[in-house]
Amino acid sequence: MTEAQEHLILVVDDDPRVRELVTRLLAERGLGYATAADGDEALSVVTKHPPDVVLLDLVMPNKEGIETLRELRQLRPAMPVIAMSGTGSDNLAMASALGATATLSKPFRKEQLLAVVESALTLETEDEPY
């Protein structure tokens, strides 16, 4: 992340094409990003360099998204987490019930992604202590 970038978004997805697409869209918006290929890697990143927002795929090998979401909520209860899934509404509904800030169905449009990230950043900024 460069000094000019105010926010760090963690993109967690096992599909490298999705990670590349999402990070490109974030970079075009001037947002900093980090990536992780599964839940274990995501938790490691969050522990070392807490992001402002996590974009979390729900279907991944190793540690899947629902389990990762539970652990993220224990580590950082107020951190905005946006759950993403292309496998239907059941996973997204479960993520919402477990505290996901927002959900995105794959495939999503650029505008949808950026709007939900901007909204989550607004929540994150409002929750900052003064």
N, C-alpha and C. Protein backbone atom coordinates (compact mmCIF):
# COMPACT_ATOMS: atom_id res chain seq x y z
N MET A 1 0.84 -1.17 0.00
CA MET A 1 0.00 0.00 0.00
C MET A 1 0.89 1.24 0.00
N THR A 2 0.57 2.17 -0.84
CA THR A 2 1.36 3.40 -0.88
C THR A 2 0.80 4.40 0.12
N GLU A 3 1.58 5.44 0.43
CA GLU A 3 1.14 6.45 1.39
C GLU A 3 -0.13 7.18 0.95
N ALA A 4 -0.32 7.34 -0.35
CA ALA A 4 -1.48 8.07 -0.85
C ALA A 4 -2.78 7.28 -0.66
N GLN A 5 -2.69 5.99 -0.48
CA GLN A 5 -3.88 5.17 -0.32
C GLN A 5 -4.29 5.14 1.14
N GLU A 6 -5.52 5.57 1.38
CA GLU A 6 -6.01 5.67 2.75
C GLU A 6 -6.58 4.36 3.27
N HIS A 7 -7.03 3.49 2.40
CA HIS A 7 -7.74 2.29 2.83
C HIS A 7 -7.08 1.03 2.29
N LEU A 8 -7.21 -0.03 3.07
CA LEU A 8 -6.71 -1.34 2.66
C LEU A 8 -7.87 -2.32 2.62
N ILE A 9 -8.07 -2.93 1.47
CA ILE A 9 -9.13 -3.92 1.28
C ILE A 9 -8.46 -5.28 1.10
N LEU A 10 -8.88 -6.26 1.89
CA LEU A 10 -8.37 -7.63 1.75
C LEU A 10 -9.33 -8.41 0.86
N VAL A 11 -8.82 -8.93 -0.25
CA VAL A 11 -9.62 -9.71 -1.20
C VAL A 11 -9.27 -11.18 -0.99
N VAL A 12 -10.26 -11.97 -0.54
CA VAL A 12 -10.05 -13.38 -0.24
C VAL A 12 -10.87 -14.21 -1.21
N ASP A 13 -10.19 -14.90 -2.11
CA ASP A 13 -10.86 -15.75 -3.10
C ASP A 13 -9.86 -16.76 -3.61
N ASP A 14 -10.29 -18.01 -3.76
CA ASP A 14 -9.38 -19.05 -4.25
C ASP A 14 -9.13 -18.96 -5.75
N ASP A 15 -9.97 -18.22 -6.46
CA ASP A 15 -9.82 -18.08 -7.90
C ASP A 15 -8.91 -16.89 -8.22
N PRO A 16 -7.72 -17.15 -8.76
CA PRO A 16 -6.80 -16.03 -9.04
C PRO A 16 -7.37 -15.02 -10.02
N ARG A 17 -8.26 -15.45 -10.92
CA ARG A 17 -8.86 -14.51 -11.88
C ARG A 17 -9.78 -13.52 -11.16
N VAL A 18 -10.51 -14.02 -10.18
CA VAL A 18 -11.39 -13.13 -9.41
C VAL A 18 -10.55 -12.16 -8.59
N ARG A 19 -9.50 -12.67 -7.94
CA ARG A 19 -8.63 -11.78 -7.17
C ARG A 19 -8.06 -10.68 -8.05
N GLU A 20 -7.60 -11.05 -9.25
CA GLU A 20 -6.99 -10.08 -10.16
C GLU A 20 -8.01 -9.05 -10.62
N LEU A 21 -9.19 -9.48 -10.97
CA LEU A 21 -10.24 -8.57 -11.42
C LEU A 21 -10.63 -7.59 -10.31
N VAL A 22 -10.88 -8.11 -9.13
CA VAL A 22 -11.31 -7.26 -8.02
C VAL A 22 -10.21 -6.28 -7.63
N THR A 23 -8.98 -6.75 -7.55
CA THR A 23 -7.90 -5.84 -7.16
C THR A 23 -7.66 -4.76 -8.21
N ARG A 24 -7.86 -5.11 -9.47
CA ARG A 24 -7.72 -4.10 -10.52
C ARG A 24 -8.79 -3.01 -10.36
N LEU A 25 -10.02 -3.42 -10.07
CA LEU A 25 -11.10 -2.45 -9.86
C LEU A 25 -10.83 -1.57 -8.64
N LEU A 26 -10.32 -2.17 -7.58
CA LEU A 26 -9.99 -1.40 -6.38
C LEU A 26 -8.87 -0.40 -6.66
N ALA A 27 -7.85 -0.86 -7.38
CA ALA A 27 -6.72 0.01 -7.70
C ALA A 27 -7.17 1.18 -8.57
N GLU A 28 -8.06 0.92 -9.54
CA GLU A 28 -8.59 2.00 -10.38
C GLU A 28 -9.30 3.06 -9.55
N ARG A 29 -9.88 2.64 -8.43
CA ARG A 29 -10.58 3.56 -7.53
C ARG A 29 -9.62 4.21 -6.53
N GLY A 30 -8.34 3.82 -6.59
CA GLY A 30 -7.34 4.38 -5.69
C GLY A 30 -7.29 3.73 -4.33
N LEU A 31 -7.85 2.53 -4.22
CA LEU A 31 -7.87 1.82 -2.95
C LEU A 31 -6.71 0.83 -2.88
N GLY A 32 -6.10 0.73 -1.72
CA GLY A 32 -5.05 -0.26 -1.51
C GLY A 32 -5.67 -1.63 -1.30
N TYR A 33 -4.90 -2.67 -1.56
CA TYR A 33 -5.45 -4.01 -1.39
C TYR A 33 -4.35 -4.99 -1.01
N ALA A 34 -4.80 -6.08 -0.41
CA ALA A 34 -3.99 -7.26 -0.16
C ALA A 34 -4.84 -8.43 -0.61
N THR A 35 -4.22 -9.58 -0.86
CA THR A 35 -4.98 -10.73 -1.31
C THR A 35 -4.66 -11.96 -0.46
N ALA A 36 -5.59 -12.89 -0.48
CA ALA A 36 -5.42 -14.18 0.17
C ALA A 36 -6.19 -15.21 -0.63
N ALA A 37 -5.64 -16.42 -0.73
CA ALA A 37 -6.25 -17.47 -1.54
C ALA A 37 -7.19 -18.37 -0.74
N ASP A 38 -7.17 -18.27 0.58
CA ASP A 38 -8.08 -19.08 1.40
C ASP A 38 -8.21 -18.44 2.78
N GLY A 39 -9.03 -19.05 3.61
CA GLY A 39 -9.31 -18.49 4.92
C GLY A 39 -8.10 -18.43 5.84
N ASP A 40 -7.27 -19.46 5.81
CA ASP A 40 -6.08 -19.45 6.66
C ASP A 40 -5.17 -18.28 6.33
N GLU A 41 -4.95 -18.07 5.04
CA GLU A 41 -4.11 -16.96 4.60
C GLU A 41 -4.75 -15.62 4.98
N ALA A 42 -6.07 -15.53 4.85
CA ALA A 42 -6.78 -14.30 5.20
C ALA A 42 -6.62 -13.98 6.68
N LEU A 43 -6.77 -14.96 7.53
CA LEU A 43 -6.64 -14.73 8.97
C LEU A 43 -5.22 -14.29 9.33
N SER A 44 -4.25 -14.82 8.63
CA SER A 44 -2.86 -14.42 8.85
C SER A 44 -2.68 -12.94 8.48
N VAL A 45 -3.22 -12.53 7.34
CA VAL A 45 -3.12 -11.13 6.91
C VAL A 45 -3.82 -10.22 7.91
N VAL A 46 -5.02 -10.59 8.35
CA VAL A 46 -5.78 -9.77 9.27
C VAL A 46 -5.04 -9.60 10.59
N THR A 47 -4.38 -10.65 11.03
CA THR A 47 -3.63 -10.59 12.28
C THR A 47 -2.43 -9.66 12.18
N LYS A 48 -1.74 -9.70 11.03
CA LYS A 48 -0.52 -8.91 10.85
C LYS A 48 -0.79 -7.47 10.41
N HIS A 49 -1.71 -7.30 9.48
CA HIS A 49 -2.01 -5.99 8.89
C HIS A 49 -3.52 -5.85 8.72
N PRO A 50 -4.24 -5.52 9.78
CA PRO A 50 -5.70 -5.46 9.69
C PRO A 50 -6.18 -4.53 8.58
N PRO A 51 -7.00 -5.06 7.68
CA PRO A 51 -7.55 -4.23 6.61
C PRO A 51 -8.74 -3.41 7.11
N ASP A 52 -9.17 -2.48 6.29
CA ASP A 52 -10.36 -1.70 6.60
C ASP A 52 -11.63 -2.48 6.26
N VAL A 53 -11.55 -3.30 5.22
CA VAL A 53 -12.69 -4.10 4.75
C VAL A 53 -12.14 -5.42 4.22
N VAL A 54 -12.92 -6.49 4.41
CA VAL A 54 -12.58 -7.80 3.84
C VAL A 54 -13.66 -8.17 2.83
N LEU A 55 -13.23 -8.52 1.61
CA LEU A 55 -14.11 -9.12 0.60
C LEU A 55 -13.84 -10.61 0.66
N LEU A 56 -14.82 -11.40 1.10
CA LEU A 56 -14.61 -12.80 1.43
C LEU A 56 -15.46 -13.74 0.59
N ASP A 57 -14.80 -14.55 -0.23
CA ASP A 57 -15.50 -15.61 -0.95
C ASP A 57 -15.93 -16.66 0.06
N LEU A 58 -17.10 -17.25 -0.14
CA LEU A 58 -17.60 -18.22 0.82
C LEU A 58 -17.25 -19.66 0.48
N VAL A 59 -16.94 -19.94 -0.77
CA VAL A 59 -16.63 -21.32 -1.17
C VAL A 59 -15.16 -21.38 -1.60
N MET A 60 -14.34 -21.96 -0.70
CA MET A 60 -12.90 -22.07 -0.94
C MET A 60 -12.39 -23.37 -0.34
N PRO A 61 -11.25 -23.85 -0.83
CA PRO A 61 -10.63 -25.03 -0.21
C PRO A 61 -9.97 -24.64 1.11
N ASN A 62 -9.49 -25.61 1.82
CA ASN A 62 -8.82 -25.44 3.11
C ASN A 62 -9.81 -24.89 4.12
N LYS A 63 -9.77 -23.61 4.40
CA LYS A 63 -10.72 -23.00 5.34
C LYS A 63 -11.72 -22.20 4.52
N GLU A 64 -12.95 -22.67 4.50
CA GLU A 64 -13.97 -22.02 3.68
C GLU A 64 -14.45 -20.73 4.33
N GLY A 65 -15.28 -19.99 3.60
CA GLY A 65 -15.65 -18.64 3.98
C GLY A 65 -16.48 -18.51 5.24
N ILE A 66 -17.43 -19.40 5.48
CA ILE A 66 -18.27 -19.30 6.67
C ILE A 66 -17.43 -19.47 7.93
N GLU A 67 -16.56 -20.46 7.93
CA GLU A 67 -15.66 -20.67 9.07
C GLU A 67 -14.73 -19.46 9.24
N THR A 68 -14.23 -18.95 8.14
CA THR A 68 -13.36 -17.77 8.19
C THR A 68 -14.12 -16.57 8.75
N LEU A 69 -15.35 -16.38 8.32
CA LEU A 69 -16.17 -15.27 8.81
C LEU A 69 -16.34 -15.38 10.33
N ARG A 70 -16.63 -16.57 10.82
CA ARG A 70 -16.77 -16.76 12.28
C ARG A 70 -15.49 -16.33 13.01
N GLU A 71 -14.35 -16.75 12.48
CA GLU A 71 -13.08 -16.41 13.12
C GLU A 71 -12.76 -14.91 13.00
N LEU A 72 -13.10 -14.31 11.86
CA LEU A 72 -12.90 -12.87 11.71
C LEU A 72 -13.73 -12.09 12.72
N ARG A 73 -14.95 -12.54 12.96
CA ARG A 73 -15.82 -11.88 13.92
C ARG A 73 -15.25 -11.98 15.34
N GLN A 74 -14.57 -13.08 15.64
CA GLN A 74 -13.92 -13.21 16.96
C GLN A 74 -12.70 -12.29 17.07
N LEU A 75 -11.91 -12.23 15.98
CA LEU A 75 -10.70 -11.40 15.98
C LEU A 75 -11.01 -9.91 15.98
N ARG A 76 -11.91 -9.52 15.09
CA ARG A 76 -12.22 -8.10 14.88
C ARG A 76 -13.72 -7.95 14.65
N PRO A 77 -14.49 -7.90 15.72
CA PRO A 77 -15.95 -7.90 15.59
C PRO A 77 -16.53 -6.76 14.75
N ALA A 78 -15.90 -5.60 14.75
CA ALA A 78 -16.46 -4.45 14.04
C ALA A 78 -15.95 -4.29 12.61
N MET A 79 -14.98 -5.11 12.20
CA MET A 79 -14.40 -4.95 10.86
C MET A 79 -15.44 -5.33 9.79
N PRO A 80 -15.68 -4.44 8.82
CA PRO A 80 -16.63 -4.78 7.76
C PRO A 80 -16.15 -5.96 6.91
N VAL A 81 -17.06 -6.93 6.74
CA VAL A 81 -16.79 -8.10 5.91
C VAL A 81 -17.91 -8.22 4.89
N ILE A 82 -17.52 -8.25 3.62
CA ILE A 82 -18.47 -8.41 2.52
C ILE A 82 -18.33 -9.83 2.01
N ALA A 83 -19.39 -10.62 2.15
CA ALA A 83 -19.37 -12.01 1.71
C ALA A 83 -19.76 -12.08 0.23
N MET A 84 -19.01 -12.92 -0.52
CA MET A 84 -19.27 -13.10 -1.95
C MET A 84 -19.50 -14.58 -2.22
N SER A 85 -20.46 -14.90 -3.08
CA SER A 85 -20.68 -16.29 -3.44
C SER A 85 -21.39 -16.40 -4.78
N GLY A 86 -21.01 -17.41 -5.52
CA GLY A 86 -21.68 -17.71 -6.77
C GLY A 86 -22.51 -18.98 -6.67
N THR A 87 -22.67 -19.49 -5.45
CA THR A 87 -23.35 -20.78 -5.27
C THR A 87 -24.77 -20.66 -4.77
N GLY A 88 -25.32 -19.46 -4.76
CA GLY A 88 -26.71 -19.31 -4.36
C GLY A 88 -26.88 -18.51 -3.09
N SER A 89 -28.15 -18.26 -2.78
CA SER A 89 -28.48 -17.36 -1.68
C SER A 89 -28.35 -17.99 -0.30
N ASP A 90 -28.35 -19.32 -0.18
CA ASP A 90 -28.25 -19.95 1.14
C ASP A 90 -26.96 -19.56 1.85
N ASN A 91 -25.83 -19.64 1.14
CA ASN A 91 -24.55 -19.26 1.75
C ASN A 91 -24.53 -17.79 2.13
N LEU A 92 -25.07 -16.94 1.28
CA LEU A 92 -25.10 -15.52 1.56
C LEU A 92 -26.00 -15.21 2.75
N ALA A 93 -27.13 -15.91 2.86
CA ALA A 93 -28.03 -15.72 3.99
C ALA A 93 -27.34 -16.15 5.29
N MET A 94 -26.62 -17.25 5.24
CA MET A 94 -25.89 -17.71 6.42
C MET A 94 -24.82 -16.69 6.81
N ALA A 95 -24.12 -16.16 5.82
CA ALA A 95 -23.09 -15.15 6.10
C ALA A 95 -23.72 -13.91 6.75
N SER A 96 -24.86 -13.48 6.26
CA SER A 96 -25.55 -12.34 6.86
C SER A 96 -25.92 -12.63 8.32
N ALA A 97 -26.42 -13.83 8.56
CA ALA A 97 -26.80 -14.21 9.92
C ALA A 97 -25.59 -14.25 10.85
N LEU A 98 -24.40 -14.51 10.31
CA LEU A 98 -23.19 -14.57 11.11
C LEU A 98 -22.48 -13.22 11.22
N GLY A 99 -23.08 -12.19 10.65
CA GLY A 99 -22.53 -10.86 10.84
C GLY A 99 -21.83 -10.23 9.66
N ALA A 100 -22.00 -10.79 8.45
CA ALA A 100 -21.43 -10.13 7.28
C ALA A 100 -22.08 -8.76 7.12
N THR A 101 -21.28 -7.77 6.83
CA THR A 101 -21.75 -6.41 6.66
C THR A 101 -22.65 -6.27 5.44
N ALA A 102 -22.29 -7.00 4.38
CA ALA A 102 -23.03 -6.98 3.12
C ALA A 102 -22.72 -8.27 2.37
N THR A 103 -23.51 -8.55 1.33
CA THR A 103 -23.28 -9.72 0.50
C THR A 103 -23.31 -9.33 -0.97
N LEU A 104 -22.58 -10.10 -1.76
CA LEU A 104 -22.55 -9.92 -3.21
C LEU A 104 -22.70 -11.28 -3.88
N SER A 105 -23.64 -11.38 -4.80
CA SER A 105 -23.78 -12.59 -5.60
C SER A 105 -22.87 -12.49 -6.81
N LYS A 106 -22.12 -13.56 -7.07
CA LYS A 106 -21.28 -13.62 -8.27
C LYS A 106 -22.12 -14.19 -9.40
N PRO A 107 -21.95 -13.71 -10.59
CA PRO A 107 -21.10 -12.59 -10.98
C PRO A 107 -21.76 -11.27 -10.58
N PHE A 108 -20.94 -10.28 -10.31
CA PHE A 108 -21.44 -8.96 -9.95
C PHE A 108 -20.87 -7.94 -10.93
N ARG A 109 -21.53 -6.80 -10.99
CA ARG A 109 -21.06 -5.72 -11.85
C ARG A 109 -20.06 -4.85 -11.10
N LYS A 110 -19.20 -4.20 -11.82
CA LYS A 110 -18.19 -3.31 -11.25
C LYS A 110 -18.84 -2.31 -10.30
N GLU A 111 -19.94 -1.71 -10.72
CA GLU A 111 -20.62 -0.70 -9.92
C GLU A 111 -21.13 -1.28 -8.62
N GLN A 112 -21.63 -2.52 -8.65
CA GLN A 112 -22.11 -3.17 -7.42
C GLN A 112 -20.96 -3.35 -6.44
N LEU A 113 -19.86 -3.87 -6.92
CA LEU A 113 -18.70 -4.10 -6.06
C LEU A 113 -18.22 -2.80 -5.43
N LEU A 114 -18.01 -1.79 -6.24
CA LEU A 114 -17.49 -0.53 -5.73
C LEU A 114 -18.47 0.14 -4.77
N ALA A 115 -19.76 0.04 -5.04
CA ALA A 115 -20.75 0.65 -4.15
C ALA A 115 -20.75 -0.02 -2.79
N VAL A 116 -20.68 -1.34 -2.75
CA VAL A 116 -20.71 -2.05 -1.47
C VAL A 116 -19.41 -1.82 -0.70
N VAL A 117 -18.28 -1.72 -1.39
CA VAL A 117 -17.01 -1.43 -0.72
C VAL A 117 -17.04 -0.01 -0.15
N GLU A 118 -17.49 0.95 -0.94
CA GLU A 118 -17.57 2.34 -0.46
C GLU A 118 -18.50 2.43 0.75
N SER A 119 -19.61 1.73 0.72
CA SER A 119 -20.54 1.73 1.84
C SER A 119 -19.87 1.14 3.09
N ALA A 120 -19.15 0.04 2.91
CA ALA A 120 -18.45 -0.59 4.04
C ALA A 120 -17.36 0.33 4.60
N LEU A 121 -16.68 1.05 3.73
CA LEU A 121 -15.66 1.99 4.19
C LEU A 121 -16.28 3.13 5.00
N THR A 122 -17.46 3.55 4.62
CA THR A 122 -18.17 4.58 5.37
C THR A 122 -18.51 4.06 6.76
N LEU A 123 -18.97 2.81 6.85
CA LEU A 123 -19.26 2.21 8.15
C LEU A 123 -18.00 2.13 8.99
N GLU A 124 -16.91 1.70 8.36
CA GLU A 124 -15.63 1.54 9.06
C GLU A 124 -15.17 2.88 9.60
N THR A 125 -15.31 3.93 8.82
CA THR A 125 -14.88 5.26 9.23
C THR A 125 -15.75 5.78 10.38
N GLU A 126 -17.05 5.51 10.33
CA GLU A 126 -17.96 5.96 11.38
C GLU A 126 -17.66 5.26 12.70
N ASP A 127 -17.15 4.03 12.66
CA ASP A 127 -16.87 3.27 13.87
C ASP A 127 -15.54 3.59 14.49
N GLU A 128 -14.70 4.40 13.83
CA GLU A 128 -13.38 4.71 14.37
C GLU A 128 -13.52 5.54 15.64
N PRO A 129 -12.74 5.21 16.68
CA PRO A 129 -12.78 6.02 17.90
C PRO A 129 -12.11 7.38 17.68
N TYR A 130 -12.56 8.37 18.36
CA TYR A 130 -12.02 9.72 18.23
C TYR A 130 -11.14 10.06 19.39
